[in-house]
């Protein structure tokens, strides 16, 4: 266990930590069987769902500000593709005959996606935003994760839409308010 609290991390450090956790869960699923595999897979599905939703709500908009729109479009395409496979695997279940073949491909795709983010998107965030803004983004990301869906929803690559799927519409307002508060923006778009 790391000695650094998530609260002390900026958004890039938080995302990199989550990437390591995701890789660890992939390994745990591959190395286990039965109920242990099912539990590890459920943990992986949940972490991927909240991680990607928080990125869509907080990180990708900030990366667009940094002028890497094409990079963001490519990451969103990768996220969409991974969500489709993850949803299929979730329906199939970890005990199914062909689960591990598809799972290993998903692992490779998610690992490459994380590497692309770390190589292309994260440096742009660091170049444009100072440490205080990056820490505020981490706080906003944690707020978005608190109300994120527990399962992937392919075709829903916007944060607000992702949160609506399968949840009360009121959660969208809570996410928006939490993110905006954490980012120091008005929740109504006015000066009140």
C-alpha atoms as a PDB file:
ATOM      1  CA  UNK A   1       0.000   0.000   0.000  1.00  0.00           C
ATOM      2  CA  UNK A   2       1.224   3.462  -0.892  1.00  0.00           C
ATOM      3  CA  UNK A   3       1.856   6.059   1.805  1.00  0.00           C
ATOM      4  CA  UNK A   4       0.615   8.941  -0.358  1.00  0.00           C
ATOM      5  CA  UNK A   5      -3.012   9.852   0.215  1.00  0.00           C
ATOM      6  CA  UNK A   6      -5.194  10.275  -2.863  1.00  0.00           C
ATOM      7  CA  UNK A   7      -6.043  13.738  -1.488  1.00  0.00           C
ATOM      8  CA  UNK A   8      -2.409  14.857  -1.968  1.00  0.00           C
ATOM      9  CA  UNK A   9      -2.260  13.755  -5.612  1.00  0.00           C
ATOM     10  CA  UNK A  10      -2.821  15.906  -8.652  1.00  0.00           C
ATOM     11  CA  UNK A  11      -5.057  14.535 -11.398  1.00  0.00           C
ATOM     12  CA  UNK A  12      -2.208  13.034 -13.432  1.00  0.00           C
ATOM     13  CA  UNK A  13      -0.764  11.273 -10.384  1.00  0.00           C
ATOM     14  CA  UNK A  14      -4.234  10.020  -9.433  1.00  0.00           C
ATOM     15  CA  UNK A  15      -4.849   8.668 -12.939  1.00  0.00           C
ATOM     16  CA  UNK A  16      -1.447   6.992 -13.044  1.00  0.00           C
ATOM     17  CA  UNK A  17      -2.175   5.336  -9.684  1.00  0.00           C
ATOM     18  CA  UNK A  18      -5.513   4.111 -10.996  1.00  0.00           C
ATOM     19  CA  UNK A  19      -3.819   2.767 -14.128  1.00  0.00           C
ATOM     20  CA  UNK A  20      -1.557   0.682 -11.866  1.00  0.00           C
ATOM     21  CA  UNK A  21      -4.588  -0.534  -9.871  1.00  0.00           C
ATOM     22  CA  UNK A  22      -6.368  -1.499 -13.100  1.00  0.00           C
ATOM     23  CA  UNK A  23      -3.315  -3.448 -14.309  1.00  0.00           C
ATOM     24  CA  UNK A  24      -3.178  -5.217 -10.940  1.00  0.00           C
ATOM     25  CA  UNK A  25      -6.835  -6.207 -11.186  1.00  0.00           C
ATOM     26  CA  UNK A  26      -6.289  -7.558 -14.700  1.00  0.00           C
ATOM     27  CA  UNK A  27      -3.524  -9.773 -13.276  1.00  0.00           C
ATOM     28  CA  UNK A  28      -5.706 -10.829 -10.350  1.00  0.00           C
ATOM     29  CA  UNK A  29      -8.507 -11.913 -12.709  1.00  0.00           C
ATOM     30  CA  UNK A  30      -6.073 -13.887 -14.871  1.00  0.00           C
ATOM     31  CA  UNK A  31      -4.439 -15.638 -11.914  1.00  0.00           C
ATOM     32  CA  UNK A  32      -7.617 -16.612 -10.087  1.00  0.00           C
ATOM     33  CA  UNK A  33     -10.550 -18.927 -10.694  1.00  0.00           C
ATOM     34  CA  UNK A  34     -14.124 -19.438  -9.555  1.00  0.00           C
ATOM     35  CA  UNK A  35     -15.511 -17.003  -6.998  1.00  0.00           C
ATOM     36  CA  UNK A  36     -12.165 -15.224  -6.631  1.00  0.00           C
ATOM     37  CA  UNK A  37     -12.062 -14.545 -10.384  1.00  0.00           C
ATOM     38  CA  UNK A  38     -15.670 -13.335 -10.357  1.00  0.00           C
ATOM     39  CA  UNK A  39     -14.985 -10.955  -7.453  1.00  0.00           C
ATOM     40  CA  UNK A  40     -11.785  -9.616  -9.046  1.00  0.00           C
ATOM     41  CA  UNK A  41     -13.617  -9.114 -12.346  1.00  0.00           C
ATOM     42  CA  UNK A  42     -16.444  -7.226 -10.607  1.00  0.00           C
ATOM     43  CA  UNK A  43     -13.855  -4.973  -8.957  1.00  0.00           C
ATOM     44  CA  UNK A  44     -12.191  -4.383 -12.327  1.00  0.00           C
ATOM     45  CA  UNK A  45     -15.495  -3.560 -14.051  1.00  0.00           C
ATOM     46  CA  UNK A  46     -16.362  -1.083 -11.311  1.00  0.00           C
ATOM     47  CA  UNK A  47     -12.945   0.618 -11.320  1.00  0.00           C
ATOM     48  CA  UNK A  48     -12.902   0.907 -15.117  1.00  0.00           C
ATOM     49  CA  UNK A  49     -16.442   2.341 -15.154  1.00  0.00           C
ATOM     50  CA  UNK A  50     -15.751   5.026 -12.546  1.00  0.00           C
ATOM     51  CA  UNK A  51     -12.282   5.794 -13.919  1.00  0.00           C
ATOM     52  CA  UNK A  52     -13.501   6.359 -17.486  1.00  0.00           C
ATOM     53  CA  UNK A  53     -16.560   8.344 -16.389  1.00  0.00           C
ATOM     54  CA  UNK A  54     -14.399  10.652 -14.287  1.00  0.00           C
ATOM     55  CA  UNK A  55     -11.983  11.097 -17.193  1.00  0.00           C
ATOM     56  CA  UNK A  56     -14.872  11.975 -19.497  1.00  0.00           C
ATOM     57  CA  UNK A  57     -16.249  14.490 -16.994  1.00  0.00           C
ATOM     58  CA  UNK A  58     -12.991  16.148 -15.891  1.00  0.00           C
ATOM     59  CA  UNK A  59      -9.846  15.164 -17.775  1.00  0.00           C
ATOM     60  CA  UNK A  60     -10.829  15.144 -21.433  1.00  0.00           C
ATOM     61  CA  UNK A  61     -12.382  18.646 -21.321  1.00  0.00           C
ATOM     62  CA  UNK A  62      -9.168  19.994 -19.763  1.00  0.00           C
ATOM     63  CA  UNK A  63      -7.081  18.214 -22.400  1.00  0.00           C
ATOM     64  CA  UNK A  64      -9.185  19.839 -25.116  1.00  0.00           C
ATOM     65  CA  UNK A  65      -8.273  23.209 -23.570  1.00  0.00           C
ATOM     66  CA  UNK A  66      -4.649  22.185 -24.070  1.00  0.00           C
ATOM     67  CA  UNK A  67      -5.284  21.845 -27.803  1.00  0.00           C
ATOM     68  CA  UNK A  68      -5.146  18.064 -28.163  1.00  0.00           C
ATOM     69  CA  UNK A  69      -8.641  17.538 -29.546  1.00  0.00           C
ATOM     70  CA  UNK A  70      -7.571  14.711 -31.873  1.00  0.00           C
ATOM     71  CA  UNK A  71      -5.855  12.914 -28.997  1.00  0.00           C
ATOM     72  CA  UNK A  72      -9.061  13.189 -26.946  1.00  0.00           C
ATOM     73  CA  UNK A  73     -11.173  11.912 -29.868  1.00  0.00           C
ATOM     74  CA  UNK A  74      -8.894   8.896 -30.196  1.00  0.00           C
ATOM     75  CA  UNK A  75      -9.007   8.178 -26.435  1.00  0.00           C
ATOM     76  CA  UNK A  76     -12.821   8.399 -26.501  1.00  0.00           C
ATOM     77  CA  UNK A  77     -12.929   5.919 -29.386  1.00  0.00           C
ATOM     78  CA  UNK A  78     -10.702   3.535 -27.444  1.00  0.00           C
ATOM     79  CA  UNK A  79     -12.885   3.950 -24.353  1.00  0.00           C
ATOM     80  CA  UNK A  80     -16.022   3.234 -26.384  1.00  0.00           C
ATOM     81  CA  UNK A  81     -14.497   0.060 -27.846  1.00  0.00           C
ATOM     82  CA  UNK A  82     -13.312  -1.127 -24.427  1.00  0.00           C
ATOM     83  CA  UNK A  83     -16.745  -0.483 -22.910  1.00  0.00           C
ATOM     84  CA  UNK A  84     -18.366  -2.650 -25.564  1.00  0.00           C
ATOM     85  CA  UNK A  85     -16.001  -5.549 -24.876  1.00  0.00           C
ATOM     86  CA  UNK A  86     -16.267  -5.081 -21.117  1.00  0.00           C
ATOM     87  CA  UNK A  87     -20.050  -5.110 -21.298  1.00  0.00           C
ATOM     88  CA  UNK A  88     -19.946  -8.322 -23.368  1.00  0.00           C
ATOM     89  CA  UNK A  89     -17.564  -9.931 -20.887  1.00  0.00           C
ATOM     90  CA  UNK A  90     -19.761  -8.820 -18.000  1.00  0.00           C
ATOM     91  CA  UNK A  91     -22.780 -10.533 -19.613  1.00  0.00           C
ATOM     92  CA  UNK A  92     -20.722 -13.616 -20.502  1.00  0.00           C
ATOM     93  CA  UNK A  93     -19.268 -14.045 -17.025  1.00  0.00           C
ATOM     94  CA  UNK A  94     -15.741 -15.083 -16.015  1.00  0.00           C
ATOM     95  CA  UNK A  95     -16.580 -18.807 -16.032  1.00  0.00           C
ATOM     96  CA  UNK A  96     -17.615 -18.858 -19.710  1.00  0.00           C
ATOM     97  CA  UNK A  97     -15.565 -20.909 -22.158  1.00  0.00           C
ATOM     98  CA  UNK A  98     -14.154 -18.046 -24.262  1.00  0.00           C
ATOM     99  CA  UNK A  99     -14.014 -15.439 -21.504  1.00  0.00           C
ATOM    100  CA  UNK A 100     -10.225 -15.466 -21.038  1.00  0.00           C
ATOM    101  CA  UNK A 101      -9.448 -15.040 -24.749  1.00  0.00           C
ATOM    102  CA  UNK A 102     -11.575 -11.882 -24.954  1.00  0.00           C
ATOM    103  CA  UNK A 103     -10.350 -10.783 -21.526  1.00  0.00           C
ATOM    104  CA  UNK A 104      -6.693 -10.939 -22.603  1.00  0.00           C
ATOM    105  CA  UNK A 105      -7.472  -8.826 -25.674  1.00  0.00           C
ATOM    106  CA  UNK A 106      -9.289  -6.303 -23.462  1.00  0.00           C
ATOM    107  CA  UNK A 107      -6.276  -6.221 -21.138  1.00  0.00           C
ATOM    108  CA  UNK A 108      -3.977  -5.416 -24.059  1.00  0.00           C
ATOM    109  CA  UNK A 109      -6.345  -2.721 -25.377  1.00  0.00           C
ATOM    110  CA  UNK A 110      -6.788  -1.074 -21.953  1.00  0.00           C
ATOM    111  CA  UNK A 111      -3.041  -1.173 -21.306  1.00  0.00           C
ATOM    112  CA  UNK A 112      -2.347   0.503 -24.659  1.00  0.00           C
ATOM    113  CA  UNK A 113      -5.077   3.071 -23.939  1.00  0.00           C
ATOM    114  CA  UNK A 114      -3.461   3.943 -20.596  1.00  0.00           C
ATOM    115  CA  UNK A 115      -0.054   4.254 -22.267  1.00  0.00           C
ATOM    116  CA  UNK A 116      -1.521   6.607 -24.886  1.00  0.00           C
ATOM    117  CA  UNK A 117      -3.032   8.776 -22.148  1.00  0.00           C
ATOM    118  CA  UNK A 118       0.231   8.868 -20.213  1.00  0.00           C
ATOM    119  CA  UNK A 119       2.287   9.669 -23.321  1.00  0.00           C
ATOM    120  CA  UNK A 120      -0.057  12.046 -25.197  1.00  0.00           C
ATOM    121  CA  UNK A 121      -2.758  13.482 -22.956  1.00  0.00           C
ATOM    122  CA  UNK A 122      -1.099  13.847 -19.554  1.00  0.00           C
ATOM    123  CA  UNK A 123       1.896  15.902 -20.777  1.00  0.00           C
ATOM    124  CA  UNK A 124      -0.552  18.333 -22.426  1.00  0.00           C
ATOM    125  CA  UNK A 125      -2.403  18.707 -19.120  1.00  0.00           C
ATOM    126  CA  UNK A 126       0.842  19.391 -17.263  1.00  0.00           C
ATOM    127  CA  UNK A 127       1.990  21.896 -19.903  1.00  0.00           C
ATOM    128  CA  UNK A 128      -1.191  23.973 -19.715  1.00  0.00           C
ATOM    129  CA  UNK A 129      -2.307  23.684 -16.100  1.00  0.00           C
ATOM    130  CA  UNK A 130      -0.408  24.503 -12.916  1.00  0.00           C
ATOM    131  CA  UNK A 131      -0.227  22.153  -9.895  1.00  0.00           C
ATOM    132  CA  UNK A 132      -3.136  23.873  -8.126  1.00  0.00           C
ATOM    133  CA  UNK A 133      -5.419  23.386 -11.130  1.00  0.00           C
ATOM    134  CA  UNK A 134      -4.290  19.761 -11.485  1.00  0.00           C
ATOM    135  CA  UNK A 135      -5.022  19.157  -7.789  1.00  0.00           C
ATOM    136  CA  UNK A 136      -8.452  20.792  -8.195  1.00  0.00           C
ATOM    137  CA  UNK A 137      -9.087  18.490 -11.153  1.00  0.00           C
ATOM    138  CA  UNK A 138      -8.177  15.492  -8.969  1.00  0.00           C
ATOM    139  CA  UNK A 139     -10.714  16.670  -6.399  1.00  0.00           C
ATOM    140  CA  UNK A 140     -13.329  17.061  -9.130  1.00  0.00           C
ATOM    141  CA  UNK A 141     -12.475  13.617 -10.467  1.00  0.00           C
ATOM    142  CA  UNK A 142     -12.978  12.057  -7.043  1.00  0.00           C
ATOM    143  CA  UNK A 143     -16.341  13.847  -6.822  1.00  0.00           C
ATOM    144  CA  UNK A 144     -17.379  12.472 -10.221  1.00  0.00           C
ATOM    145  CA  UNK A 145     -16.255   8.984  -9.236  1.00  0.00           C
ATOM    146  CA  UNK A 146     -18.443   9.112  -6.130  1.00  0.00           C
ATOM    147  CA  UNK A 147     -21.586   9.062  -8.295  1.00  0.00           C
ATOM    148  CA  UNK A 148     -20.294   7.247 -11.396  1.00  0.00           C
ATOM    149  CA  UNK A 149     -22.051   4.163 -12.780  1.00  0.00           C
ATOM    150  CA  UNK A 150     -20.822   0.761 -11.677  1.00  0.00           C
ATOM    151  CA  UNK A 151     -21.016  -0.740 -15.188  1.00  0.00           C
ATOM    152  CA  UNK A 152     -19.748   0.473 -18.566  1.00  0.00           C
ATOM    153  CA  UNK A 153     -22.221   1.989 -21.008  1.00  0.00           C
ATOM    154  CA  UNK A 154     -20.881   1.879 -24.581  1.00  0.00           C
ATOM    155  CA  UNK A 155     -21.980   4.732 -26.775  1.00  0.00           C
ATOM    156  CA  UNK A 156     -22.062   7.049 -23.785  1.00  0.00           C
ATOM    157  CA  UNK A 157     -18.770   8.892 -23.885  1.00  0.00           C
ATOM    158  CA  UNK A 158     -19.886  12.102 -22.221  1.00  0.00           C
ATOM    159  CA  UNK A 159     -19.684  12.311 -18.457  1.00  0.00           C
ATOM    160  CA  UNK A 160     -23.182  13.645 -17.916  1.00  0.00           C
ATOM    161  CA  UNK A 161     -24.817  11.078 -20.183  1.00  0.00           C
ATOM    162  CA  UNK A 162     -22.777   8.268 -18.659  1.00  0.00           C
ATOM    163  CA  UNK A 163     -24.039   9.117 -15.195  1.00  0.00           C
ATOM    164  CA  UNK A 164     -27.690   9.187 -16.323  1.00  0.00           C
ATOM    165  CA  UNK A 165     -27.722   5.624 -17.656  1.00  0.00           C
ATOM    166  CA  UNK A 166     -29.485   3.465 -15.094  1.00  0.00           C
ATOM    167  CA  UNK A 167     -29.503   6.147 -12.408  1.00  0.00           C
ATOM    168  CA  UNK A 168     -31.858   8.961 -11.379  1.00  0.00           C
ATOM    169  CA  UNK A 169     -31.439  12.148 -13.383  1.00  0.00           C
ATOM    170  CA  UNK A 170     -30.835  14.019 -10.129  1.00  0.00           C
ATOM    171  CA  UNK A 171     -27.385  12.412  -9.948  1.00  0.00           C
ATOM    172  CA  UNK A 172     -26.346  14.434 -12.995  1.00  0.00           C
ATOM    173  CA  UNK A 173     -26.957  17.616 -11.051  1.00  0.00           C
ATOM    174  CA  UNK A 174     -25.002  16.245  -8.086  1.00  0.00           C
ATOM    175  CA  UNK A 175     -22.051  15.334 -10.304  1.00  0.00           C
ATOM    176  CA  UNK A 176     -22.150  18.666 -12.114  1.00  0.00           C
ATOM    177  CA  UNK A 177     -22.368  20.578  -8.842  1.00  0.00           C
ATOM    178  CA  UNK A 178     -19.608  18.528  -7.212  1.00  0.00           C
ATOM    179  CA  UNK A 179     -17.290  18.909 -10.203  1.00  0.00           C
ATOM    180  CA  UNK A 180     -17.957  22.615 -10.594  1.00  0.00           C
ATOM    181  CA  UNK A 181     -17.543  23.253  -6.882  1.00  0.00           C
ATOM    182  CA  UNK A 182     -14.264  21.369  -6.881  1.00  0.00           C
ATOM    183  CA  UNK A 183     -13.126  23.296  -9.964  1.00  0.00           C
ATOM    184  CA  UNK A 184     -14.150  26.628  -8.423  1.00  0.00           C
ATOM    185  CA  UNK A 185     -16.920  27.322 -10.948  1.00  0.00           C
ATOM    186  CA  UNK A 186     -20.473  28.422 -10.360  1.00  0.00           C
ATOM    187  CA  UNK A 187     -23.006  25.579 -10.326  1.00  0.00           C
ATOM    188  CA  UNK A 188     -25.624  27.649 -12.126  1.00  0.00           C
ATOM    189  CA  UNK A 189     -23.500  29.377 -14.710  1.00  0.00           C
ATOM    190  CA  UNK A 190     -24.428  32.733 -13.175  1.00  0.00           C
ATOM    191  CA  UNK A 191     -22.583  34.909 -10.718  1.00  0.00           C
ATOM    192  CA  UNK A 192     -24.720  33.993  -7.692  1.00  0.00           C
END
